[in-house]
Each structure stands twice: as structure tokens, then as C-alpha cells.
N, C-alpha and C. Protein backbone atom coordinates (compact mmCIF):
# COMPACT_ATOMS: atom_id res chain seq x y z
N MET A 1 14.28 -232.88 29.23
CA MET A 1 12.67 -232.66 28.52
C MET A 1 13.05 -233.60 26.94
N ALA A 2 11.66 -234.10 26.96
CA ALA A 2 12.03 -234.68 25.66
C ALA A 2 11.42 -234.32 24.35
N GLU A 3 12.04 -235.09 23.30
CA GLU A 3 12.25 -234.62 22.28
C GLU A 3 10.96 -234.38 21.57
N THR A 4 10.68 -233.17 20.91
CA THR A 4 9.02 -233.53 19.99
C THR A 4 9.30 -234.36 18.56
N LYS A 5 8.07 -234.89 18.80
CA LYS A 5 8.63 -235.92 17.63
C LYS A 5 6.97 -235.83 16.40
N ASP A 6 7.72 -235.83 15.17
CA ASP A 6 6.42 -235.51 13.87
C ASP A 6 5.24 -236.26 14.60
N GLY A 7 3.78 -235.14 15.02
CA GLY A 7 2.97 -235.88 14.84
C GLY A 7 1.86 -235.46 13.94
N PHE A 8 2.09 -234.70 13.00
CA PHE A 8 1.01 -234.58 11.94
C PHE A 8 1.58 -233.89 10.45
N VAL A 9 0.43 -234.30 9.49
CA VAL A 9 0.75 -232.82 8.79
C VAL A 9 -0.24 -231.96 8.80
N LEU A 10 0.48 -230.47 8.67
CA LEU A 10 -0.44 -229.65 8.87
C LEU A 10 -1.25 -228.86 7.25
N ASP A 11 -2.09 -229.07 7.42
CA ASP A 11 -2.76 -228.28 6.12
C ASP A 11 -3.07 -226.99 6.12
N CYS A 12 -3.25 -226.04 4.68
CA CYS A 12 -2.76 -224.49 5.28
C CYS A 12 -4.69 -224.31 5.50
N SER A 13 -5.84 -225.14 5.28
CA SER A 13 -7.08 -224.84 5.69
C SER A 13 -6.87 -224.76 7.19
N VAL A 14 -6.27 -225.56 7.62
CA VAL A 14 -6.21 -225.50 9.20
C VAL A 14 -5.68 -224.39 9.71
N THR A 15 -4.23 -224.50 8.75
CA THR A 15 -4.13 -223.43 9.60
C THR A 15 -4.37 -222.25 9.82
N MET A 16 -5.13 -221.58 8.46
CA MET A 16 -5.33 -220.40 8.22
C MET A 16 -6.70 -220.01 8.77
N ALA A 17 -7.51 -221.11 9.29
CA ALA A 17 -8.25 -220.64 10.47
C ALA A 17 -7.97 -220.51 11.75
N TRP A 18 -6.54 -220.74 12.30
CA TRP A 18 -6.05 -219.23 13.06
C TRP A 18 -5.85 -218.35 13.40
N CYS A 19 -5.95 -217.96 11.68
CA CYS A 19 -5.86 -216.11 11.31
C CYS A 19 -7.13 -215.43 11.48
N PHE A 20 -8.22 -216.26 10.72
CA PHE A 20 -9.85 -215.84 10.85
C PHE A 20 -10.45 -216.18 11.61
N ASP A 21 -10.77 -215.22 12.66
CA ASP A 21 -11.66 -215.88 13.81
C ASP A 21 -13.15 -216.67 13.15
N ASP A 22 -13.66 -215.90 12.16
CA ASP A 22 -14.63 -216.52 11.33
C ASP A 22 -14.48 -217.90 11.20
N GLU A 23 -13.36 -218.59 10.47
CA GLU A 23 -12.80 -219.73 10.02
C GLU A 23 -11.98 -220.87 11.63
N GLY A 24 -12.49 -220.56 12.29
CA GLY A 24 -12.02 -221.32 13.56
C GLY A 24 -12.86 -222.17 14.31
N SER A 25 -12.69 -223.17 14.76
CA SER A 25 -13.93 -224.57 15.35
C SER A 25 -13.23 -225.04 16.07
N PRO A 26 -13.67 -226.08 17.30
CA PRO A 26 -13.22 -226.77 18.13
C PRO A 26 -11.90 -227.53 17.05
N TYR A 27 -12.31 -227.86 16.31
CA TYR A 27 -11.01 -229.09 15.32
C TYR A 27 -9.77 -228.24 15.55
N THR A 28 -10.37 -226.98 14.54
CA THR A 28 -8.70 -225.93 14.24
C THR A 28 -7.95 -225.49 15.23
N ARG A 29 -8.56 -225.34 16.76
CA ARG A 29 -8.24 -224.81 17.87
C ARG A 29 -7.58 -226.21 18.31
N SER A 30 -8.27 -227.48 19.02
CA SER A 30 -7.97 -228.48 19.07
C SER A 30 -6.21 -228.64 18.49
N VAL A 31 -6.40 -228.58 17.45
CA VAL A 31 -5.11 -228.79 16.35
C VAL A 31 -3.81 -227.86 16.83
N ARG A 32 -4.22 -226.18 16.67
CA ARG A 32 -3.54 -225.52 17.02
C ARG A 32 -2.91 -225.95 18.56
N ASP A 33 -3.89 -226.06 19.63
CA ASP A 33 -3.32 -226.45 21.18
C ASP A 33 -2.14 -227.62 20.85
N SER A 34 -2.45 -229.10 20.10
CA SER A 34 -1.64 -230.12 20.22
C SER A 34 -0.47 -229.55 19.19
N SER A 35 -0.49 -228.97 18.65
CA SER A 35 0.99 -228.24 17.93
C SER A 35 2.36 -227.80 18.87
N ALA A 36 1.66 -227.78 19.90
CA ALA A 36 2.83 -226.88 21.02
C ALA A 36 3.29 -228.50 21.72
N GLU A 37 2.63 -229.43 21.26
CA GLU A 37 3.40 -230.96 21.92
C GLU A 37 4.23 -231.82 21.11
N VAL A 38 3.23 -231.59 19.85
CA VAL A 38 3.91 -232.50 18.66
C VAL A 38 4.48 -231.89 17.83
N ARG A 39 4.90 -232.15 17.01
CA ARG A 39 5.21 -231.03 15.47
C ARG A 39 4.95 -231.53 14.44
N ALA A 40 3.98 -230.60 14.03
CA ALA A 40 3.58 -230.21 12.53
C ALA A 40 4.41 -230.19 11.65
N VAL A 41 4.72 -231.20 10.40
CA VAL A 41 5.11 -231.24 9.03
C VAL A 41 4.25 -230.63 8.09
N VAL A 42 5.34 -229.90 6.96
CA VAL A 42 4.43 -229.22 5.99
C VAL A 42 5.10 -229.18 4.92
N PRO A 43 4.87 -229.50 3.86
CA PRO A 43 5.41 -229.34 2.41
C PRO A 43 5.96 -227.67 2.27
N THR A 44 7.25 -228.10 1.27
CA THR A 44 7.54 -226.51 0.95
C THR A 44 6.60 -225.56 0.56
N ILE A 45 5.24 -225.44 0.21
CA ILE A 45 4.36 -224.59 -0.65
C ILE A 45 4.11 -223.62 0.52
N TRP A 46 4.07 -224.40 1.64
CA TRP A 46 3.22 -224.05 3.10
C TRP A 46 3.41 -222.40 3.66
N PRO A 47 4.95 -222.46 3.70
CA PRO A 47 5.05 -220.69 4.11
C PRO A 47 4.59 -220.17 2.92
N LEU A 48 4.56 -220.22 1.46
CA LEU A 48 4.03 -219.40 0.64
C LEU A 48 2.69 -219.27 0.97
N GLU A 49 1.74 -220.79 0.89
CA GLU A 49 0.39 -220.33 1.03
C GLU A 49 0.22 -219.17 2.34
N MET A 50 1.04 -219.39 3.46
CA MET A 50 0.44 -218.24 4.75
C MET A 50 0.89 -217.07 4.16
N ALA A 51 1.68 -217.02 3.54
CA ALA A 51 1.84 -215.52 3.09
C ALA A 51 1.04 -214.89 2.31
N ASN A 52 0.81 -215.62 1.37
CA ASN A 52 -0.31 -215.34 0.38
C ASN A 52 -1.53 -215.29 0.68
N ALA A 53 -1.84 -215.88 1.90
CA ALA A 53 -3.08 -215.97 2.65
C ALA A 53 -3.53 -214.07 3.34
N ALA A 54 -2.44 -214.24 4.09
CA ALA A 54 -2.15 -213.34 4.56
C ALA A 54 -2.55 -211.95 4.12
N ILE A 55 -1.86 -211.90 3.08
CA ILE A 55 -1.62 -210.93 1.93
C ILE A 55 -3.27 -210.77 1.52
N VAL A 56 -3.77 -211.62 1.01
CA VAL A 56 -5.44 -211.55 0.54
C VAL A 56 -6.76 -211.38 1.34
N GLY A 57 -6.12 -211.48 2.83
CA GLY A 57 -7.07 -211.02 4.12
C GLY A 57 -6.72 -209.63 4.19
N GLU A 58 -5.44 -209.17 4.19
CA GLU A 58 -5.23 -207.82 4.25
C GLU A 58 -6.15 -206.88 3.08
N ARG A 59 -5.87 -207.28 1.77
CA ARG A 59 -6.61 -206.62 0.85
C ARG A 59 -8.11 -206.90 0.80
N ARG A 60 -8.69 -207.70 1.51
CA ARG A 60 -9.94 -207.88 1.40
C ARG A 60 -10.36 -207.10 2.83
N LYS A 61 -9.52 -206.72 3.55
CA LYS A 61 -10.18 -205.98 4.78
C LYS A 61 -10.06 -207.10 6.06
N ARG A 62 -9.83 -208.39 5.83
CA ARG A 62 -10.35 -209.53 7.26
C ARG A 62 -9.23 -209.16 8.31
N LEU A 63 -7.97 -208.46 7.59
CA LEU A 63 -7.16 -208.35 9.04
C LEU A 63 -6.37 -207.40 8.19
N ASP A 64 -5.64 -206.86 9.44
CA ASP A 64 -4.46 -205.51 8.91
C ASP A 64 -3.52 -206.41 9.28
N GLN A 65 -2.05 -205.23 9.23
CA GLN A 65 -0.84 -205.82 8.64
C GLN A 65 0.10 -206.00 10.52
N ALA A 66 -0.82 -205.50 11.26
CA ALA A 66 -0.26 -205.97 12.38
C ALA A 66 -0.84 -207.40 12.70
N ARG A 67 -2.59 -207.54 12.66
CA ARG A 67 -3.07 -208.99 12.77
C ARG A 67 -1.86 -210.08 11.96
N SER A 68 -1.48 -209.67 10.97
CA SER A 68 -0.64 -210.66 9.97
C SER A 68 0.43 -210.65 10.73
N GLN A 69 0.83 -209.94 11.18
CA GLN A 69 2.53 -210.18 11.95
C GLN A 69 2.22 -210.85 12.82
N ARG A 70 1.20 -210.89 13.86
CA ARG A 70 1.17 -211.62 15.02
C ARG A 70 0.67 -213.37 14.80
N PHE A 71 0.30 -213.48 13.52
CA PHE A 71 -0.08 -214.65 12.95
C PHE A 71 1.37 -215.05 12.80
N PHE A 72 2.01 -214.52 12.27
CA PHE A 72 3.44 -215.08 12.04
C PHE A 72 4.05 -215.65 12.85
N ALA A 73 3.80 -214.56 13.84
CA ALA A 73 4.76 -214.63 15.22
C ALA A 73 4.17 -216.13 15.82
N LEU A 74 2.90 -216.28 15.53
CA LEU A 74 2.20 -217.51 16.44
C LEU A 74 3.05 -218.34 15.37
N LEU A 75 3.01 -218.67 14.39
CA LEU A 75 3.32 -219.96 13.44
C LEU A 75 4.76 -219.97 13.71
N SER A 76 5.75 -219.14 13.99
CA SER A 76 7.11 -219.25 14.20
C SER A 76 7.82 -219.84 15.53
N ALA A 77 6.55 -219.59 16.81
CA ALA A 77 6.90 -220.45 17.74
C ALA A 77 6.19 -221.62 18.05
N LEU A 78 5.66 -221.86 16.76
CA LEU A 78 5.68 -223.65 17.25
C LEU A 78 6.45 -224.25 16.39
N PRO A 79 6.64 -225.49 16.71
CA PRO A 79 7.81 -226.63 16.22
C PRO A 79 6.85 -227.28 14.76
N ILE A 80 6.84 -226.48 13.98
CA ILE A 80 6.29 -226.77 12.41
C ILE A 80 7.75 -226.96 11.32
N VAL A 81 7.63 -228.02 11.04
CA VAL A 81 8.82 -228.57 9.94
C VAL A 81 8.25 -228.41 8.90
N VAL A 82 9.21 -227.84 7.79
CA VAL A 82 8.85 -227.73 6.49
C VAL A 82 9.58 -229.06 5.64
N ASP A 83 9.04 -230.06 5.14
CA ASP A 83 9.89 -231.08 4.33
C ASP A 83 10.24 -230.52 3.05
N GLU A 84 11.78 -230.79 2.94
CA GLU A 84 12.17 -230.58 2.06
C GLU A 84 12.54 -231.04 0.73
N GLU A 85 11.50 -232.16 0.61
CA GLU A 85 11.31 -233.07 -0.30
C GLU A 85 10.42 -232.90 -1.31
N THR A 86 9.58 -231.72 -1.38
CA THR A 86 8.51 -231.72 -1.71
C THR A 86 8.66 -231.03 -3.57
N GLY A 87 9.41 -230.30 -3.63
CA GLY A 87 9.86 -229.94 -4.89
C GLY A 87 10.28 -231.13 -6.11
N VAL A 88 11.23 -232.26 -5.40
CA VAL A 88 11.77 -233.49 -5.93
C VAL A 88 10.73 -234.16 -6.59
N ARG A 89 9.24 -234.48 -5.55
CA ARG A 89 8.24 -235.03 -5.77
C ARG A 89 7.23 -234.35 -6.55
N ALA A 90 7.00 -233.40 -6.91
CA ALA A 90 6.44 -232.55 -7.57
C ALA A 90 5.67 -233.52 -8.88
N MET A 91 6.75 -233.66 -9.60
CA MET A 91 6.28 -234.15 -10.97
C MET A 91 6.42 -235.66 -11.45
N SER A 92 6.24 -235.97 -10.06
CA SER A 92 6.03 -237.71 -9.78
C SER A 92 4.98 -237.72 -8.97
N ASP A 93 5.43 -238.01 -7.86
CA ASP A 93 4.45 -238.76 -7.00
C ASP A 93 3.34 -237.70 -6.40
N ILE A 94 3.46 -236.69 -6.72
CA ILE A 94 2.14 -235.26 -6.48
C ILE A 94 1.06 -235.29 -7.39
N VAL A 95 1.99 -235.50 -8.72
CA VAL A 95 0.92 -235.32 -10.01
C VAL A 95 0.27 -236.26 -9.73
N HIS A 96 0.71 -237.55 -9.69
CA HIS A 96 0.03 -238.57 -9.55
C HIS A 96 -1.16 -239.25 -8.58
N LEU A 97 -1.12 -238.46 -7.72
CA LEU A 97 -1.48 -238.49 -6.34
C LEU A 97 -3.03 -237.33 -7.14
N ALA A 98 -2.23 -235.87 -7.33
CA ALA A 98 -3.63 -234.71 -8.07
C ALA A 98 -4.41 -235.76 -8.89
N ARG A 99 -4.01 -235.91 -10.03
CA ARG A 99 -4.28 -236.95 -11.18
C ARG A 99 -5.82 -237.76 -10.94
N ALA A 100 -5.03 -238.74 -9.98
CA ALA A 100 -6.09 -239.73 -9.28
C ALA A 100 -7.08 -239.77 -8.31
N ASN A 101 -7.13 -238.31 -7.80
CA ASN A 101 -7.94 -237.48 -7.29
C ASN A 101 -8.43 -236.68 -7.10
N ASP A 102 -8.31 -236.32 -8.29
CA ASP A 102 -9.10 -235.20 -8.60
C ASP A 102 -8.64 -233.51 -7.81
N LEU A 103 -7.14 -233.46 -7.36
CA LEU A 103 -6.92 -232.81 -6.57
C LEU A 103 -5.86 -231.84 -7.27
N SER A 104 -5.99 -230.16 -6.53
CA SER A 104 -5.21 -229.58 -7.02
C SER A 104 -3.53 -230.42 -6.94
N ALA A 105 -2.45 -229.72 -7.41
CA ALA A 105 -0.92 -230.22 -7.20
C ALA A 105 -0.95 -229.75 -5.55
N TYR A 106 -1.27 -228.49 -5.44
CA TYR A 106 -1.31 -228.16 -3.88
C TYR A 106 -1.36 -228.85 -2.49
N GLY A 107 -2.74 -229.53 -2.97
CA GLY A 107 -3.46 -230.43 -2.15
C GLY A 107 -2.96 -231.36 -1.92
N ALA A 108 -2.30 -232.08 -3.59
CA ALA A 108 -1.78 -233.63 -3.65
C ALA A 108 -0.52 -233.28 -2.74
N ALA A 109 0.07 -232.47 -2.76
CA ALA A 109 1.52 -232.09 -1.73
C ALA A 109 1.19 -232.17 -0.35
N TYR A 110 0.06 -231.89 0.31
CA TYR A 110 -0.36 -232.59 1.41
C TYR A 110 -0.62 -233.92 1.96
N LEU A 111 -1.29 -234.35 0.56
CA LEU A 111 -1.41 -235.90 0.57
C LEU A 111 -0.29 -236.89 0.34
N GLU A 112 0.82 -236.44 -0.74
CA GLU A 112 1.89 -237.32 -0.32
C GLU A 112 2.73 -237.03 0.80
N LEU A 113 2.97 -235.65 1.40
CA LEU A 113 3.93 -235.85 2.33
C LEU A 113 2.83 -236.89 3.88
N ALA A 114 1.34 -236.82 3.52
CA ALA A 114 1.24 -237.47 4.73
C ALA A 114 1.59 -239.26 4.40
N ILE A 115 1.53 -239.70 3.28
CA ILE A 115 1.76 -240.83 2.94
C ILE A 115 2.93 -241.12 2.92
N ARG A 116 4.00 -240.45 3.23
CA ARG A 116 5.20 -240.84 2.55
C ARG A 116 5.81 -241.00 4.28
N ARG A 117 5.20 -239.58 4.82
CA ARG A 117 6.09 -239.77 6.13
C ARG A 117 5.08 -240.41 7.37
N GLY A 118 4.07 -241.25 6.75
CA GLY A 118 2.93 -241.77 7.78
C GLY A 118 2.78 -240.94 8.96
N LEU A 119 2.00 -240.21 8.38
CA LEU A 119 1.04 -239.36 9.73
C LEU A 119 -0.15 -239.06 9.04
N PRO A 120 -0.97 -238.44 10.01
CA PRO A 120 -1.96 -238.37 9.36
C PRO A 120 -2.28 -236.81 9.24
N LEU A 121 -3.23 -236.23 8.95
CA LEU A 121 -3.16 -235.10 7.87
C LEU A 121 -4.48 -234.68 8.51
N ALA A 122 -3.96 -233.45 9.02
CA ALA A 122 -4.96 -232.22 10.06
C ALA A 122 -5.39 -231.43 8.57
N CYS A 123 -7.04 -231.61 8.39
CA CYS A 123 -7.49 -230.79 7.59
C CYS A 123 -8.70 -230.56 7.29
N LEU A 124 -9.12 -229.60 6.64
CA LEU A 124 -10.73 -228.92 6.36
C LEU A 124 -11.06 -229.59 5.14
N ASP A 125 -10.07 -229.22 4.21
CA ASP A 125 -10.34 -229.50 2.81
C ASP A 125 -11.28 -230.12 2.52
N GLY A 126 -12.24 -230.06 1.77
CA GLY A 126 -13.61 -231.04 1.19
C GLY A 126 -13.20 -232.33 0.55
N LYS A 127 -12.37 -231.98 -0.39
CA LYS A 127 -11.99 -232.98 -1.34
C LYS A 127 -10.77 -233.65 -1.06
N LEU A 128 -9.32 -233.01 -0.03
CA LEU A 128 -8.55 -233.70 0.49
C LEU A 128 -9.06 -234.94 1.73
N LYS A 129 -9.83 -234.62 2.13
CA LYS A 129 -10.41 -235.48 2.86
C LYS A 129 -10.76 -236.71 2.51
N PRO A 130 -11.83 -236.86 2.09
CA PRO A 130 -12.04 -237.87 1.25
C PRO A 130 -10.67 -239.01 0.47
N ALA A 131 -9.69 -237.76 -0.25
CA ALA A 131 -8.95 -238.20 -0.94
C ALA A 131 -7.96 -239.15 0.19
N ALA A 132 -7.66 -238.09 1.11
CA ALA A 132 -6.66 -238.96 2.20
C ALA A 132 -7.29 -240.14 2.36
N SER A 133 -8.59 -240.46 2.79
CA SER A 133 -8.81 -241.89 3.15
C SER A 133 -9.01 -242.78 1.98
N ALA A 134 -9.23 -242.38 0.69
CA ALA A 134 -8.88 -243.39 -0.44
C ALA A 134 -7.71 -243.57 -0.26
N ALA A 135 -6.69 -243.19 -0.49
CA ALA A 135 -5.10 -243.45 -0.12
C ALA A 135 -4.81 -244.12 1.13
N GLY A 136 -5.52 -244.04 2.07
CA GLY A 136 -5.08 -245.00 3.33
C GLY A 136 -4.49 -243.83 4.20
N ALA A 137 -4.11 -242.74 3.68
CA ALA A 137 -3.75 -241.75 4.91
C ALA A 137 -4.86 -241.36 5.94
N SER A 138 -4.83 -241.17 7.45
CA SER A 138 -5.34 -240.91 8.28
C SER A 138 -5.82 -239.35 7.92
N ILE A 139 -6.89 -239.10 9.13
CA ILE A 139 -7.48 -238.07 9.38
C ILE A 139 -6.68 -237.61 10.70
N TYR A 140 -6.27 -236.35 11.37
CA TYR A 140 -5.62 -236.67 12.34
C TYR A 140 -7.18 -235.92 13.16
N MET A 141 -6.87 -236.74 14.22
CA MET A 141 -7.96 -236.34 15.40
C MET A 141 -6.87 -236.17 16.38
N THR A 142 -7.81 -234.98 17.52
CA THR A 142 -7.01 -234.66 18.50
C THR A 142 -7.52 -235.11 19.65
């Protein structure tokens, strides 16, 4: 069996569309399907963003605990790698990208990871996509 290779940086906006049916699209489903074949890479904030989005979704009655658990099981089954360098770069490269592109530090963390790893970014975020293009990072196309 061939080794799974890093294929793209997975933004939380795409991942959450896998949890909430009304946010899904052909693009998000295609990214999910391709993540079984190539490894997605995420910054260290991603697991907390997933947990928080599920909790907020439960509080807003968009999903229940059982659906949250199924979502977490799906994520655990996929070859998603958490990059351990995000924290080291938070107060340097990430802050610089956030300032230069009018992004949150969270969004800039995904952009920094895509640039550093030379990977395309799977993203739906309206500010992050043009920032990625401006910074020379590509958007993941399935």
C-alpha cells in the first residue's frame, strides 16, 4: 500500500460544512472525499475550532451530542495531520500575515501553514481566499 502524502491545508470553514448539512456544497463534499486519498494538514488550533463549533452548534440546536460524536468519529478516521509549528510561528509569521492581509490570527495560521508547506488551501472563507492568492498560495481544487 502506498504511503499517504500531504495534499492540502484544510481550513475549518470546509471542515464544518461536513458537520452542518445546510453548509455543504459540491466543493466541500469533494474535499471530504479526496481527504481519504491524500492527507490534510491543519494548524494546532484546528481541533479546538472543531470542538468549539460543535459545542456552539449544539447550543444553537443545529445538532445534538450524538451528531457531534459522529462528526468527531468521521474526523478521527481521516488522515488529518496536526502541524506542531503553529504556536512557534504565532507571534512572528502568523501575526505578519494577519496584519498584511487583514485576517484574524486564526485565518493567518492556515495561510502560514499553506505557504510554509507549499500546499494548496481548501477554504471557503471570503477573506482568506483572496489573501491566499495575494500571498502566492493556491486554493485546493479537487
